[in-house]
Amino acid sequence: MIAARGRYWRVSWNRGQDHAVFEVLKGSLPEEIYELRDLRIEIPLAKWNLVVKHVHSDRKLLGGLLLDFARSKEKVSAAVSSDRLLAELRRVILDATAVLVEAEALALVAGHQTH
């Protein structure tokens, strides 16, 4: 099932899977970043909260997190350095989060508070 979709990114997840798959949509990429067409990132649902926590952090921090889950690691830095791809990536992460929570595949956990 498609959990979220934008102009450049698609997030898919199937019931029973322990991960969601982020893929760059090949047909929509501008020529200057067409080499990213094979970028695929599989984020384990167990690590999803960490990604959501840093979705609006510095692009290097988010990119570093995504490196752990990408097959083509060299393409992740190019994707997060593109303002267009990064902005949409952030949006589809949040959209997919809502879908996964609704499907009861994901439960968001509050961060630790210090008193």
Protein backbone atom coordinates (compact mmCIF):
# COMPACT_ATOMS: atom_id res chain seq x y z
CA MET A 1 0.00 0.00 0.00
CA ILE A 2 1.19 3.51 -0.65
CA ALA A 3 1.44 5.28 2.70
CA ALA A 4 2.42 8.64 1.22
CA ARG A 5 3.21 10.06 -2.17
CA GLY A 6 4.54 13.31 -3.47
CA ARG A 7 5.93 14.56 -6.73
CA TYR A 8 9.38 13.05 -6.08
CA TRP A 9 8.90 10.47 -3.29
CA ARG A 10 6.69 7.47 -2.60
CA VAL A 11 6.47 5.63 0.71
CA SER A 12 5.04 2.13 0.64
CA TRP A 13 4.26 -0.29 3.41
CA ASN A 14 2.44 -3.61 3.47
CA ARG A 15 0.63 -4.96 6.48
CA GLY A 16 2.87 -7.35 8.36
CA GLN A 17 6.11 -5.77 7.17
CA ASP A 18 8.48 -4.38 9.77
CA HIS A 19 9.68 -1.54 7.52
CA ALA A 20 8.48 1.12 5.11
CA VAL A 21 10.15 1.75 1.76
CA PHE A 22 10.98 5.23 0.50
CA GLU A 23 11.61 5.47 -3.23
CA VAL A 24 12.34 8.34 -5.55
CA LEU A 25 9.84 8.46 -8.40
CA LYS A 26 11.89 8.13 -11.56
CA GLY A 27 9.65 9.96 -14.01
CA SER A 28 9.41 13.18 -12.02
CA LEU A 29 13.07 13.96 -11.43
CA PRO A 30 14.63 16.96 -13.12
CA GLU A 31 17.56 16.12 -15.38
CA GLU A 32 20.17 17.56 -12.99
CA ILE A 33 19.28 15.02 -10.27
CA TYR A 34 18.12 12.12 -12.44
CA GLU A 35 20.95 9.96 -11.09
CA LEU A 36 18.87 9.61 -7.89
CA ARG A 37 16.27 7.52 -9.71
CA ASP A 38 17.36 4.29 -8.01
CA LEU A 39 17.40 5.66 -4.46
CA ARG A 40 15.59 3.31 -2.10
CA ILE A 41 15.51 3.66 1.68
CA GLU A 42 14.01 0.97 3.91
CA ILE A 43 13.24 2.39 7.33
CA PRO A 44 12.46 -0.19 10.02
CA LEU A 45 9.31 0.74 11.93
CA ALA A 46 11.28 0.19 15.14
CA LYS A 47 13.49 3.16 14.15
CA TRP A 48 10.69 5.36 12.81
CA ASN A 49 10.37 7.47 15.96
CA LEU A 50 14.02 8.48 15.65
CA VAL A 51 13.51 9.63 12.06
CA VAL A 52 10.34 11.57 12.95
CA LYS A 53 12.11 13.17 15.90
CA HIS A 54 14.75 14.59 13.56
CA VAL A 55 12.60 15.24 10.48
CA HIS A 56 13.05 19.01 10.81
CA SER A 57 16.57 18.90 12.18
CA ASP A 58 19.60 19.92 10.19
CA ARG A 59 19.69 18.24 6.78
CA LYS A 60 23.02 16.58 7.63
CA LEU A 61 21.54 14.96 10.74
CA LEU A 62 18.50 13.66 8.88
CA GLY A 63 20.70 12.51 5.99
CA GLY A 64 23.00 10.73 8.42
CA LEU A 65 20.07 8.84 9.90
CA LEU A 66 18.81 7.85 6.46
CA LEU A 67 22.27 6.58 5.47
CA ASP A 68 21.81 3.71 7.90
CA PHE A 69 18.80 2.47 5.95
CA ALA A 70 19.69 3.22 2.31
CA ARG A 71 21.04 0.78 -0.25
CA SER A 72 22.73 3.47 -2.35
CA LYS A 73 24.38 5.43 0.41
CA GLU A 74 26.16 7.83 -1.96
CA LYS A 75 22.79 9.04 -3.28
CA VAL A 76 21.37 10.00 0.12
CA SER A 77 23.59 13.06 0.47
CA ALA A 78 22.60 14.25 -3.00
CA ALA A 79 18.91 13.80 -2.15
CA VAL A 80 19.07 15.75 1.12
CA SER A 81 21.19 18.48 -0.45
CA SER A 82 18.42 19.19 -2.96
CA ASP A 83 16.01 21.68 -1.40
CA ARG A 84 13.10 20.34 -3.46
CA LEU A 85 13.68 16.71 -2.56
CA LEU A 86 14.38 17.44 1.10
CA ALA A 87 11.24 19.56 1.56
CA GLU A 88 9.07 16.87 0.05
CA LEU A 89 10.87 14.08 1.92
CA ARG A 90 10.03 15.81 5.18
CA ARG A 91 6.38 16.10 4.16
CA VAL A 92 6.03 12.46 3.06
CA ILE A 93 7.68 11.27 6.28
CA LEU A 94 5.00 13.10 8.27
CA ASP A 95 2.20 11.93 5.95
CA ALA A 96 3.40 8.32 6.13
CA THR A 97 3.63 8.61 9.92
CA ALA A 98 -0.04 9.55 10.10
CA VAL A 99 -1.01 6.61 7.87
CA LEU A 100 1.10 4.13 9.85
CA VAL A 101 -0.30 5.32 13.17
CA GLU A 102 -3.84 5.05 11.80
CA ALA A 103 -3.10 1.51 10.55
CA GLU A 104 -1.82 0.69 14.06
CA ALA A 105 1.55 -0.32 12.63
CA LEU A 106 3.29 2.43 14.53
CA ALA A 107 2.89 4.05 17.93
CA LEU A 108 4.62 7.32 18.57
CA VAL A 109 6.55 7.48 21.81
CA ALA A 110 7.01 10.67 23.77
CA GLY A 111 10.60 11.75 24.38
CA HIS A 112 12.16 11.61 27.79
CA GLN A 113 11.50 14.63 29.96
CA THR A 114 13.89 15.90 32.60
CA HIS A 115 12.63 17.65 35.68
